[in-house]
Amino acid sequence: MVPMDGNHPGGDLAINRSDYRHTPAVWVGRPGGNAVLEAYEGRISLTAPDFYLANLEHRHHIDFVQDHGNYIHMITAWGNTARVTMHDVNFSRFHGHPVNADLGNSSVIMFTDQGSPRNHVAIVNNTLSGDNGIFTSTYQLHHSVIENNRAVNARFVTADPSTWAIFWIKRFNEFISVRGNEFRDGNEWGSPGNLSAALGMDAARNIEFAYNTVHTPYDFADGRHGAIKLFTNSSQASYTWTPETPVWLYRNSLRHRFNFEGNNLVNMPDANVVTERNVLAPRAWPSHRILLNIDNLDGDTYFDASMRLTGPARTAYLGRYGAEIAVPLGDLIFANGFD
């Protein structure tokens, strides 16, 4: 176990190019081990071009108290951090218990809006469990992937409505794929419902949401808007979209609602947000000139308790609609002499 305690010298892991000998940019747990990074008031601050975190557990100390009136992040990636890879990490307690800092853009990892766009960020196969806020607050990501992450027995609580999505793709992001993430098993969405959605996007372009399975309770009166929330009600007059910068939602399985707030985006071309072969239950896809809805399913009971297609819907639609792949890789049977 590596304790990070900001009250003591060296408690913060300031990872920069000139100090790799003392604070390495690669943190990897041994296979079969039980490596833990535990933060009391310490945190990881990245100003190095590369960072790699894998195969361990990262959590805030159970007695963590945020008391300096600023945003809190487990990891902050500053403007000159180009490549970040994070896989097979269990983030088991963010903001401590029972304290929740509730300070603006607080998140497990924050990609700041400073510097030039970052390329090649990979957030893959990680788990959120226990008490948590939001996972990512992202600016300036290009050519990056957020894939196969999941929330299992997590309790999501935020009190600040500006932190409204667990994976939050914000301004100045392009060419990002958010694929195969799962929010369905034993999760609790705290009250008040300022955390609007599991996946959210504001002013961004060339973004793909595909093959995600998301069960998010819906309570509009309490501020909770559904599984996916796109854009806000602000006009974003200084941001431009073209027919070559679409947003695409393909083959997602969603419960209970898809929330679109891009009504004021007068500078976005018609049909610039494409939704195709998604399954949404039990509500319906919205209609708007910006939305191009192609062959989606909605308005019926399509899923079982595990968010899998069930009954006649499974027979008719498995492998063509929603997030499920029809045949798991290990069950493939090859003909014509191939095995």
Protein backbone atom coordinates (compact mmCIF):
# COMPACT_ATOMS: atom_id res chain seq x y z
CA MET A 1 0.00 0.00 0.00
CA VAL A 2 1.23 3.49 -0.91
CA PRO A 3 -0.35 6.20 1.30
CA MET A 4 -0.64 9.66 -0.23
CA ASP A 5 -0.92 12.27 2.52
CA GLY A 6 -0.81 15.93 1.52
CA ASN A 7 -0.08 16.92 5.11
CA HIS A 8 3.42 15.47 4.86
CA PRO A 9 6.32 16.20 2.49
CA GLY A 10 6.02 14.09 -0.62
CA GLY A 11 2.43 13.21 0.13
CA ASP A 12 1.30 14.46 -3.27
CA LEU A 13 2.61 12.51 -6.22
CA ALA A 14 3.76 15.31 -8.53
CA ILE A 15 4.71 13.40 -11.65
CA ASN A 16 6.73 15.46 -14.07
CA ARG A 17 9.40 14.91 -16.69
CA SER A 18 12.31 16.02 -14.48
CA ASP A 19 11.48 13.83 -11.50
CA TYR A 20 10.89 10.36 -12.92
CA ARG A 21 13.56 8.92 -10.62
CA HIS A 22 11.50 9.76 -7.53
CA THR A 23 7.90 9.66 -8.75
CA PRO A 24 7.67 7.27 -11.68
CA ALA A 25 5.05 7.78 -14.37
CA VAL A 26 4.26 4.04 -14.45
CA TRP A 27 2.27 2.49 -11.59
CA VAL A 28 1.39 -1.16 -12.14
CA GLY A 29 0.22 -3.79 -9.67
CA ARG A 30 1.76 -7.24 -9.94
CA PRO A 31 -0.46 -9.99 -11.37
CA GLY A 32 -2.26 -11.71 -8.54
CA GLY A 33 -1.22 -8.98 -6.10
CA ASN A 34 -3.27 -6.50 -4.10
CA ALA A 35 -1.69 -3.13 -4.83
CA VAL A 36 -3.49 -0.14 -3.32
CA LEU A 37 -2.95 3.61 -3.74
CA GLU A 38 -4.71 5.27 -0.81
CA ALA A 39 -5.07 9.05 -0.73
CA TYR A 40 -5.68 10.96 2.50
CA GLU A 41 -5.22 14.52 1.25
CA GLY A 42 -2.63 13.62 -1.34
CA ARG A 43 -3.30 13.31 -5.04
CA ILE A 44 -1.56 12.66 -8.34
CA SER A 45 -0.69 15.79 -10.30
CA LEU A 46 0.49 15.09 -13.86
CA THR A 47 2.73 17.43 -15.80
CA ALA A 48 4.71 14.65 -17.47
CA PRO A 49 3.97 13.75 -21.10
CA ASP A 50 3.14 10.12 -20.26
CA PHE A 51 1.33 8.36 -17.41
CA TYR A 52 0.40 4.69 -16.97
CA LEU A 53 -1.77 3.26 -14.18
CA ALA A 54 -2.90 -0.36 -14.20
CA ASN A 55 -3.91 -3.45 -12.21
CA LEU A 56 -4.45 -1.88 -8.79
CA GLU A 57 -6.97 -0.24 -6.50
CA HIS A 58 -7.08 3.54 -6.02
CA ARG A 59 -9.19 5.05 -3.26
CA HIS A 60 -9.52 7.93 -0.87
CA HIS A 61 -8.86 7.21 2.79
CA ILE A 62 -12.03 6.52 4.74
CA ASP A 63 -11.33 9.59 6.92
CA PHE A 64 -10.68 11.86 3.95
CA VAL A 65 -11.95 15.41 4.46
CA GLN A 66 -11.67 18.05 1.75
CA ASP A 67 -11.11 21.38 3.52
CA HIS A 68 -9.22 23.82 1.28
CA GLY A 69 -12.22 25.01 -0.73
CA ASN A 70 -11.00 23.87 -4.13
CA TYR A 71 -11.85 21.17 -6.64
CA ILE A 72 -10.74 17.69 -5.65
CA HIS A 73 -9.41 15.14 -8.09
CA MET A 74 -7.58 11.89 -7.48
CA ILE A 75 -5.64 12.61 -10.65
CA THR A 76 -5.20 15.94 -12.46
CA ALA A 77 -3.77 15.86 -15.98
CA TRP A 78 -2.44 19.32 -16.79
CA GLY A 79 -2.00 20.85 -20.22
CA ASN A 80 1.28 19.26 -21.27
CA THR A 81 0.26 15.70 -20.34
CA ALA A 82 -0.22 14.13 -23.76
CA ARG A 83 -0.67 10.38 -23.26
CA VAL A 84 -2.54 8.80 -20.35
CA THR A 85 -3.27 5.06 -20.12
CA MET A 86 -5.39 3.66 -17.32
CA HIS A 87 -6.67 0.11 -17.29
CA ASP A 88 -7.86 -2.52 -14.82
CA VAL A 89 -8.02 -0.07 -11.92
CA ASN A 90 -10.73 -0.28 -9.26
CA PHE A 91 -11.67 3.17 -7.99
CA SER A 92 -13.39 2.08 -4.81
CA ARG A 93 -13.89 5.28 -2.80
CA PHE A 94 -13.86 8.84 -4.10
CA HIS A 95 -14.45 11.87 -1.82
CA GLY A 96 -14.26 9.63 1.23
CA HIS A 97 -17.06 8.31 3.38
CA PRO A 98 -19.39 9.84 4.44
CA VAL A 99 -17.91 13.17 3.28
CA ASN A 100 -18.59 14.41 -0.22
CA ALA A 101 -16.70 17.54 -1.24
CA ASP A 102 -19.23 18.63 -3.88
CA LEU A 103 -16.94 21.18 -5.44
CA GLY A 104 -17.63 21.95 -9.08
CA ASN A 105 -15.72 19.80 -11.57
CA SER A 106 -14.46 17.37 -8.96
CA SER A 107 -13.77 13.99 -10.56
CA VAL A 108 -11.58 10.91 -10.27
CA ILE A 109 -9.46 12.18 -13.17
CA MET A 110 -9.61 15.71 -14.55
CA PHE A 111 -8.21 16.57 -17.99
CA THR A 112 -7.84 20.34 -17.81
CA ASP A 113 -8.63 22.85 -20.54
CA GLN A 114 -5.04 24.08 -20.63
CA GLY A 115 -2.52 23.54 -23.41
CA SER A 116 -2.91 21.90 -26.80
CA PRO A 117 -5.17 18.90 -27.44
CA ARG A 118 -4.04 15.62 -25.90
CA ASN A 119 -3.84 12.62 -28.16
CA HIS A 120 -4.01 8.93 -27.32
CA VAL A 121 -5.71 8.82 -23.92
CA ALA A 122 -7.06 5.35 -23.07
CA ILE A 123 -9.39 4.77 -20.09
CA VAL A 124 -10.14 1.07 -20.47
CA ASN A 125 -11.55 -1.79 -18.36
CA ASN A 126 -11.72 0.08 -15.07
CA THR A 127 -14.29 -0.34 -12.28
CA LEU A 128 -16.13 2.15 -10.11
CA SER A 129 -17.37 0.73 -6.81
CA GLY A 130 -18.30 2.06 -3.39
CA ASP A 131 -18.84 5.77 -2.76
CA ASN A 132 -18.05 7.79 -5.84
CA GLY A 133 -18.63 11.07 -7.62
CA ILE A 134 -17.93 11.37 -11.34
CA PHE A 135 -15.11 9.56 -13.14
CA THR A 136 -13.88 11.91 -15.86
CA SER A 137 -14.19 15.60 -16.54
CA THR A 138 -12.51 16.02 -19.90
CA TYR A 139 -11.24 18.90 -21.96
CA GLN A 140 -8.82 18.79 -24.87
CA LEU A 141 -8.92 15.07 -25.69
CA HIS A 142 -8.37 13.96 -29.28
CA HIS A 143 -8.10 10.46 -30.77
CA SER A 144 -8.89 8.80 -27.43
CA VAL A 145 -11.00 5.97 -26.09
CA ILE A 146 -13.13 5.38 -22.97
CA GLU A 147 -14.00 1.71 -23.26
CA ASN A 148 -15.26 -1.31 -21.29
CA ASN A 149 -15.45 0.53 -17.98
CA ARG A 150 -18.17 -0.45 -15.52
CA ALA A 151 -19.89 0.58 -12.33
CA VAL A 152 -20.59 -2.26 -9.91
CA ASN A 153 -22.21 -1.68 -6.51
CA ALA A 154 -21.27 1.99 -6.69
CA ARG A 155 -23.03 4.82 -4.87
CA PHE A 156 -22.97 8.03 -6.90
CA VAL A 157 -23.52 11.27 -4.99
CA THR A 158 -22.81 14.83 -6.04
CA ALA A 159 -24.37 18.00 -4.69
CA ASP A 160 -23.14 20.35 -7.42
CA PRO A 161 -25.27 20.27 -10.59
CA SER A 162 -22.25 21.23 -12.72
CA THR A 163 -20.97 17.65 -12.30
CA TRP A 164 -23.76 16.08 -14.27
CA ALA A 165 -22.29 12.98 -15.95
CA ILE A 166 -19.99 10.19 -14.75
CA PHE A 167 -18.12 10.11 -18.06
CA TRP A 168 -18.37 13.75 -19.10
CA ILE A 169 -17.06 14.74 -22.53
CA LYS A 170 -16.87 18.52 -22.42
CA ARG A 171 -15.57 21.27 -24.68
CA PHE A 172 -12.74 20.99 -27.20
CA ASN A 173 -12.92 17.21 -27.48
CA GLU A 174 -12.85 15.45 -30.85
CA PHE A 175 -12.44 11.93 -32.24
CA ILE A 176 -13.37 10.15 -29.00
CA SER A 177 -15.00 6.74 -28.77
CA VAL A 178 -17.04 5.94 -25.65
CA ARG A 179 -17.71 2.22 -26.16
CA GLY A 180 -18.86 -0.84 -24.28
CA ASN A 181 -19.24 0.80 -20.85
CA GLU A 182 -21.69 -0.79 -18.41
CA PHE A 183 -23.77 0.78 -15.65
CA ARG A 184 -26.28 -1.85 -14.58
CA ASP A 185 -25.24 -3.91 -11.55
CA GLY A 186 -26.27 -2.85 -8.05
CA ASN A 187 -25.60 0.87 -8.41
CA GLU A 188 -27.21 3.52 -6.21
CA TRP A 189 -27.85 7.04 -7.46
CA GLY A 190 -27.96 9.33 -4.45
CA SER A 191 -30.20 12.27 -3.75
CA PRO A 192 -30.33 15.07 -4.71
CA GLY A 193 -30.24 13.97 -8.32
CA ASN A 194 -27.76 16.51 -9.65
CA LEU A 195 -25.89 13.70 -11.35
CA SER A 196 -27.94 13.76 -14.52
CA ALA A 197 -26.59 10.84 -16.51
CA ALA A 198 -23.98 8.12 -16.80
CA LEU A 199 -22.66 9.38 -20.15
CA GLY A 200 -22.74 13.06 -21.01
CA MET A 201 -21.45 15.37 -23.72
CA ASP A 202 -21.41 19.13 -23.98
CA ALA A 203 -19.75 21.13 -26.80
CA ALA A 204 -17.77 18.41 -28.57
CA ARG A 205 -17.50 16.98 -32.08
CA ASN A 206 -16.68 13.71 -33.82
CA ILE A 207 -17.81 11.72 -30.79
CA GLU A 208 -19.05 8.12 -30.81
CA PHE A 209 -21.21 6.51 -28.13
CA ALA A 210 -21.57 2.84 -29.04
CA TYR A 211 -22.39 -0.53 -27.42
CA ASN A 212 -22.89 1.00 -23.97
CA THR A 213 -25.31 -0.59 -21.48
CA VAL A 214 -26.71 2.02 -19.13
CA HIS A 215 -29.41 1.79 -16.47
CA THR A 216 -29.83 5.20 -14.85
CA PRO A 217 -32.91 6.09 -12.80
CA TYR A 218 -34.94 8.95 -14.24
CA ASP A 219 -36.42 11.73 -12.11
CA PHE A 220 -36.57 15.02 -13.97
CA ALA A 221 -38.04 16.85 -10.97
CA ASP A 222 -34.97 15.85 -8.94
CA GLY A 223 -32.52 16.75 -11.72
CA ARG A 224 -31.77 13.24 -12.97
CA HIS A 225 -32.16 13.20 -16.73
CA GLY A 226 -31.53 9.62 -17.84
CA ALA A 227 -28.91 7.29 -19.27
CA ILE A 228 -27.28 9.68 -21.78
CA LYS A 229 -27.44 13.47 -21.82
CA LEU A 230 -26.25 15.44 -24.85
CA PHE A 231 -25.43 19.15 -24.83
CA THR A 232 -26.88 21.87 -22.63
CA ASN A 233 -29.41 24.62 -23.15
CA SER A 234 -26.72 27.24 -23.80
CA SER A 235 -26.34 28.44 -27.38
CA GLN A 236 -22.57 27.78 -27.69
CA ALA A 237 -22.38 30.58 -30.24
CA SER A 238 -18.58 30.53 -30.37
CA TYR A 239 -18.38 26.81 -31.12
CA THR A 240 -18.89 25.47 -34.63
CA TRP A 241 -20.10 22.16 -36.01
CA THR A 242 -20.19 21.07 -39.64
CA PRO A 243 -21.56 18.03 -41.48
CA GLU A 244 -18.03 16.59 -41.17
CA THR A 245 -18.10 16.81 -37.32
CA PRO A 246 -21.02 14.58 -36.28
CA VAL A 247 -21.99 12.96 -33.01
CA TRP A 248 -23.00 9.32 -33.45
CA LEU A 249 -24.90 7.02 -31.07
CA TYR A 250 -24.97 3.43 -32.27
CA ARG A 251 -26.16 0.15 -30.73
CA ASN A 252 -26.61 1.31 -27.12
CA SER A 253 -28.94 -0.38 -24.60
CA LEU A 254 -30.49 2.34 -22.45
CA ARG A 255 -32.89 2.59 -19.53
CA HIS A 256 -34.75 4.89 -18.72
CA ARG A 257 -34.28 7.98 -20.86
CA PHE A 258 -32.18 9.74 -23.48
CA ASN A 259 -31.97 13.47 -22.77
CA PHE A 260 -31.24 15.93 -25.57
CA GLU A 261 -30.88 19.62 -24.68
CA GLY A 262 -29.40 20.96 -27.91
CA ASN A 263 -32.45 22.97 -28.89
CA ASN A 264 -30.54 26.26 -28.84
CA LEU A 265 -27.67 25.07 -31.03
CA VAL A 266 -28.61 27.16 -34.04
CA ASN A 267 -25.08 26.85 -35.44
CA MET A 268 -25.28 23.04 -35.70
CA PRO A 269 -26.31 21.60 -39.08
CA ASP A 270 -29.44 19.54 -39.48
CA ALA A 271 -29.09 15.80 -38.75
CA ASN A 272 -25.67 16.30 -37.13
CA VAL A 273 -26.48 13.96 -34.23
CA VAL A 274 -27.14 10.47 -35.58
CA THR A 275 -28.83 7.82 -33.43
CA GLU A 276 -28.96 4.37 -34.99
CA ARG A 277 -30.13 0.92 -33.83
CA ASN A 278 -30.26 1.84 -30.16
CA VAL A 279 -32.73 0.29 -27.75
CA LEU A 280 -34.37 2.67 -25.28
CA ALA A 281 -36.91 1.43 -22.75
CA PRO A 282 -39.41 2.47 -21.71
CA ARG A 283 -39.38 6.03 -23.14
CA ALA A 284 -39.14 7.41 -26.67
CA TRP A 285 -36.40 9.13 -28.66
CA PRO A 286 -36.89 12.89 -28.95
CA SER A 287 -37.40 14.62 -32.29
CA HIS A 288 -35.41 17.66 -33.40
CA ARG A 289 -33.95 18.99 -36.65
CA ILE A 290 -30.43 18.28 -35.31
CA LEU A 291 -31.30 14.63 -34.61
CA LEU A 292 -31.31 11.97 -37.30
CA ASN A 293 -33.02 8.93 -35.77
CA ILE A 294 -32.42 5.75 -37.78
CA ASP A 295 -34.10 2.46 -36.95
CA ASN A 296 -34.11 2.78 -33.14
CA LEU A 297 -36.33 0.77 -30.79
CA ASP A 298 -38.13 2.46 -27.92
CA GLY A 299 -41.31 2.67 -25.88
CA ASP A 300 -41.62 -0.98 -24.87
CA THR A 301 -40.26 -3.49 -22.35
CA TYR A 302 -37.26 -4.92 -24.18
CA PHE A 303 -34.89 -5.75 -21.28
CA ASP A 304 -34.71 -8.15 -18.38
CA ALA A 305 -33.32 -7.14 -14.98
CA SER A 306 -29.75 -7.44 -16.31
CA MET A 307 -30.41 -5.12 -19.26
CA ARG A 308 -30.34 -7.94 -21.78
CA LEU A 309 -32.88 -8.30 -24.55
CA THR A 310 -35.61 -10.66 -23.45
CA GLY A 311 -38.57 -12.60 -24.83
CA PRO A 312 -39.62 -11.98 -28.45
CA ALA A 313 -37.29 -8.95 -28.61
CA ARG A 314 -34.28 -11.19 -28.05
CA THR A 315 -35.30 -13.50 -30.85
CA ALA A 316 -35.98 -10.64 -33.24
CA TYR A 317 -33.22 -8.15 -32.43
CA LEU A 318 -30.20 -9.79 -30.73
CA GLY A 319 -27.00 -8.81 -32.51
CA ARG A 320 -28.67 -6.12 -34.61
CA TYR A 321 -30.03 -3.66 -32.04
CA GLY A 322 -28.68 -2.66 -28.66
CA ALA A 323 -25.33 -3.31 -27.03
CA GLU A 324 -25.24 -7.12 -26.99
CA ILE A 325 -23.07 -8.99 -29.44
CA ALA A 326 -25.00 -11.96 -30.82
CA VAL A 327 -22.34 -14.65 -30.33
CA PRO A 328 -19.58 -14.43 -27.70
CA LEU A 329 -16.13 -14.86 -29.20
CA GLY A 330 -15.48 -18.16 -27.44
CA ASP A 331 -18.64 -19.68 -28.93
CA LEU A 332 -17.88 -18.98 -32.56
CA ILE A 333 -17.96 -22.00 -34.83
CA PHE A 334 -16.05 -21.64 -38.07
CA ALA A 335 -16.99 -23.55 -41.20
CA ASN A 336 -14.96 -24.44 -44.28
CA GLY A 337 -12.12 -26.08 -42.38
CA PHE A 338 -11.17 -23.13 -40.16
CA ASP A 339 -10.95 -23.50 -36.37
